[in-house]
Protein backbone atom coordinates (compact mmCIF):
# COMPACT_ATOMS: atom_id res chain seq x y z
CA MET A 1 63.91 -162.54 -69.12
CA ALA A 2 65.69 -164.49 -66.40
CA LEU A 3 67.57 -167.73 -67.05
CA ASP A 4 64.89 -169.65 -65.11
CA ASP A 5 62.24 -168.32 -67.51
CA TYR A 6 64.16 -169.72 -70.47
CA LEU A 7 64.35 -173.11 -68.72
CA LEU A 8 60.61 -173.07 -67.92
CA GLU A 9 59.79 -172.19 -71.52
CA ALA A 10 62.05 -174.99 -72.77
CA GLU A 11 60.43 -177.49 -70.41
CA GLU A 12 56.97 -176.45 -71.59
CA LYS A 13 57.97 -176.99 -75.24
CA MET A 14 59.53 -180.37 -74.43
CA MET A 15 56.38 -181.41 -72.59
CA LYS A 16 54.25 -180.46 -75.60
CA THR A 17 56.57 -182.50 -77.84
CA GLU A 18 56.14 -185.50 -75.55
CA HIS A 19 52.33 -185.15 -75.72
CA VAL A 20 52.41 -184.94 -79.52
CA VAL A 21 54.50 -188.11 -79.78
CA VAL A 22 52.25 -189.98 -77.34
CA ASN A 23 49.18 -188.93 -79.35
CA GLU A 24 50.87 -190.10 -82.56
CA PHE A 25 51.61 -193.45 -80.88
CA ALA A 26 47.91 -193.79 -80.03
CA GLY A 27 47.11 -193.65 -83.75
CA VAL A 28 49.32 -196.65 -84.50
CA ARG A 29 47.40 -199.88 -84.53
CA THR A 30 48.08 -202.67 -82.09
CA GLY A 31 46.33 -206.02 -81.85
CA LYS A 32 43.20 -204.47 -80.37
CA ALA A 33 40.69 -201.86 -81.48
CA SER A 34 40.96 -198.35 -80.04
CA PRO A 35 38.91 -195.25 -80.89
CA SER A 36 42.14 -193.21 -80.97
CA LEU A 37 43.07 -195.02 -84.20
CA VAL A 38 40.40 -193.21 -86.20
CA GLU A 39 39.21 -190.23 -84.15
CA ASN A 40 41.66 -187.76 -85.73
CA ILE A 41 41.08 -188.77 -89.36
CA ILE A 42 40.02 -185.71 -91.36
CA VAL A 43 36.72 -186.01 -93.25
CA GLU A 44 35.60 -183.72 -96.07
CA VAL A 45 31.97 -183.01 -95.14
CA TYR A 46 29.57 -180.02 -95.18
CA GLY A 47 32.05 -178.12 -97.35
CA SER A 48 34.74 -178.18 -94.68
CA GLN A 49 37.17 -180.56 -93.04
CA MET A 50 36.33 -182.10 -89.67
CA ARG A 51 37.72 -184.90 -87.51
CA ILE A 52 35.69 -188.09 -87.15
CA ARG A 53 35.33 -187.48 -83.40
CA GLU A 54 33.48 -184.24 -84.23
CA LEU A 55 31.06 -186.06 -86.55
CA ALA A 56 30.33 -189.33 -84.79
CA GLY A 57 30.47 -191.43 -81.66
CA ILE A 58 33.23 -194.06 -81.72
CA THR A 59 32.88 -197.19 -79.59
CA THR A 60 34.55 -200.58 -79.23
CA PRO A 61 31.74 -203.14 -78.95
CA GLU A 62 34.29 -205.99 -79.12
CA PRO A 63 38.06 -206.10 -78.55
CA ARG A 64 38.73 -206.40 -82.32
CA ALA A 65 35.97 -204.13 -83.66
CA LEU A 66 35.14 -200.43 -83.81
CA ALA A 67 31.68 -198.96 -84.34
CA ILE A 68 31.36 -195.43 -85.69
CA GLN A 69 27.88 -193.93 -85.29
CA PRO A 70 27.59 -190.58 -87.17
CA TRP A 71 25.25 -188.02 -85.67
CA ASP A 72 24.10 -187.16 -89.20
CA VAL A 73 23.45 -190.10 -91.55
CA ASN A 74 24.55 -187.95 -94.52
CA SER A 75 28.15 -188.06 -93.25
CA LEU A 76 28.25 -191.89 -93.31
CA HIS A 77 29.81 -192.25 -96.79
CA PRO A 78 32.33 -189.37 -96.40
CA ILE A 79 33.56 -190.95 -93.14
CA GLU A 80 33.91 -194.32 -94.84
CA LYS A 81 35.92 -192.78 -97.71
CA ALA A 82 38.19 -190.88 -95.30
CA ILE A 83 38.98 -194.08 -93.37
CA GLN A 84 39.79 -195.91 -96.60
CA LYS A 85 42.12 -193.09 -97.73
CA SER A 86 43.87 -192.90 -94.33
CA ASN A 87 46.55 -195.55 -95.14
CA LEU A 88 45.84 -197.37 -91.88
CA GLY A 89 45.00 -200.56 -93.73
CA LEU A 90 41.44 -200.55 -92.39
CA SER A 91 38.41 -201.67 -94.37
CA PRO A 92 35.23 -200.10 -93.01
CA SER A 93 31.81 -201.50 -93.84
CA ILE A 94 28.51 -199.69 -93.57
CA GLN A 95 25.92 -201.60 -91.60
CA GLY A 96 22.63 -199.74 -91.33
CA LYS A 97 23.31 -196.28 -89.90
CA ALA A 98 26.78 -197.13 -88.56
CA ILE A 99 30.23 -198.02 -89.84
CA ARG A 100 31.94 -201.11 -88.46
CA ILE A 101 35.63 -201.86 -88.70
CA PHE A 102 36.97 -205.30 -87.86
CA PHE A 103 40.62 -205.76 -86.99
CA PRO A 104 42.22 -208.96 -88.21
CA GLU A 105 45.10 -210.53 -86.30
CA LEU A 106 48.36 -208.74 -87.15
CA SER A 107 51.04 -210.75 -88.91
CA GLN A 108 54.61 -210.65 -87.57
CA GLU A 109 55.75 -208.63 -90.62
CA ARG A 110 52.99 -206.05 -90.09
CA ARG A 111 53.90 -205.76 -86.40
CA GLN A 112 57.53 -205.08 -87.36
CA GLU A 113 56.40 -202.40 -89.84
CA PHE A 114 54.43 -200.70 -87.05
CA VAL A 115 57.49 -200.84 -84.77
CA LYS A 116 59.54 -199.09 -87.49
CA ILE A 117 56.84 -196.42 -87.78
CA ILE A 118 56.77 -195.70 -84.04
CA ARG A 119 60.58 -195.66 -83.86
CA LYS A 120 60.56 -192.97 -86.56
CA MET A 121 57.93 -191.00 -84.61
CA ALA A 122 60.06 -191.26 -81.45
CA GLU A 123 63.19 -190.14 -83.32
CA ASP A 124 61.29 -187.13 -84.70
CA GLY A 125 60.31 -186.30 -81.12
CA ARG A 126 63.91 -186.58 -79.94
CA VAL A 127 65.03 -184.27 -82.74
CA ALA A 128 62.33 -181.74 -81.78
CA ILE A 129 63.51 -181.83 -78.15
CA ARG A 130 67.12 -181.31 -79.24
CA HIS A 131 66.02 -178.30 -81.33
CA VAL A 132 64.36 -176.83 -78.25
CA ARG A 133 67.61 -177.40 -76.32
CA ARG A 134 69.69 -175.74 -79.04
CA ASP A 135 67.41 -172.69 -79.29
CA THR A 136 67.25 -172.28 -75.52
CA MET A 137 71.03 -172.71 -75.23
CA ASP A 138 71.46 -169.86 -77.74
CA GLN A 139 69.10 -167.67 -75.72
CA ILE A 140 70.92 -168.48 -72.47
CA LYS A 141 74.33 -167.65 -73.96
CA LYS A 142 73.02 -164.41 -75.44
CA HIS A 143 71.35 -163.48 -72.15
CA GLY A 144 74.50 -164.34 -70.20
CA HIS A 145 76.41 -161.60 -72.01
CA ASP A 146 73.64 -158.96 -71.80
CA SER A 147 72.83 -158.64 -68.18
CA GLY A 148 74.46 -158.98 -64.81
CA THR A 149 74.34 -162.78 -64.74
CA THR A 150 77.55 -164.52 -63.79
CA GLU A 151 79.29 -167.21 -65.80
CA ASP A 152 78.42 -169.65 -63.04
CA ASP A 153 74.71 -168.86 -63.50
CA VAL A 154 75.02 -169.48 -67.24
CA LYS A 155 76.88 -172.79 -66.69
CA HIS A 156 74.29 -173.89 -64.13
CA ALA A 157 71.43 -173.03 -66.53
CA GLU A 158 73.15 -174.99 -69.32
CA LYS A 159 73.50 -178.03 -67.03
CA GLU A 160 69.83 -177.78 -66.03
CA LEU A 161 68.83 -177.54 -69.69
CA GLN A 162 70.86 -180.65 -70.53
CA LYS A 163 69.27 -182.49 -67.58
CA LEU A 164 65.79 -181.48 -68.85
CA THR A 165 66.68 -182.69 -72.34
CA ASP A 166 67.93 -186.03 -71.03
CA ASP A 167 64.77 -186.44 -68.89
CA TYR A 168 62.40 -185.83 -71.79
CA ILE A 169 64.33 -188.04 -74.20
CA GLY A 170 64.22 -190.73 -71.51
CA LYS A 171 60.43 -190.30 -71.24
CA LEU A 172 60.07 -190.67 -75.01
CA ASP A 173 62.20 -193.82 -74.91
CA ALA A 174 59.98 -195.23 -72.14
CA HIS A 175 56.83 -194.49 -74.16
CA LEU A 176 58.46 -196.12 -77.20
CA ALA A 177 59.40 -199.26 -75.25
CA GLY A 178 55.85 -199.58 -73.92
CA LYS A 179 54.27 -199.14 -77.33
CA GLU A 180 56.73 -201.59 -78.93
CA LYS A 181 55.83 -204.19 -76.31
CA GLU A 182 52.12 -203.55 -76.91
CA ILE A 183 52.51 -203.99 -80.68
CA MET A 184 54.65 -207.12 -80.48
CA THR A 185 52.37 -208.84 -77.94
CA VAL A 186 50.35 -211.49 -79.75
């Protein structure tokens, strides 16, 4: 495997890490309702575990409300229980054949708790990116001794890897700043 292949593989892993962190951010509540808050909640139904998005349509009829319309009425109560157990602080109510969730205004303390949560998620993402860098650096050093690559090639690959790492950590920081602003906006 060439040094460029190691760098491409590292970039792919860093990109996946970024996507995971962004998806986790989407699940953190802000002042407005968003289907992404509940769509990945796991529901125990039909003897298996499924995500809400696989069981129901999720809409936002109002800026501070979610409506969850199950395709099968029998999954109404399991979905409600899963939302209650999800530790998101949501209280769903069954209205007819749908579940409605109303979002109260967030207090300043609650907003600060959410900021702490997303900072932890971002730090976990940074750590994952640094692990990718470390593993790739080990592969590059090992590869540099095996084949006919020069020391200059190895040094250049290490610099490129560090640049990639800095870029992706910068992207995570930008996502974090945007989400923090979104949460703290009243």
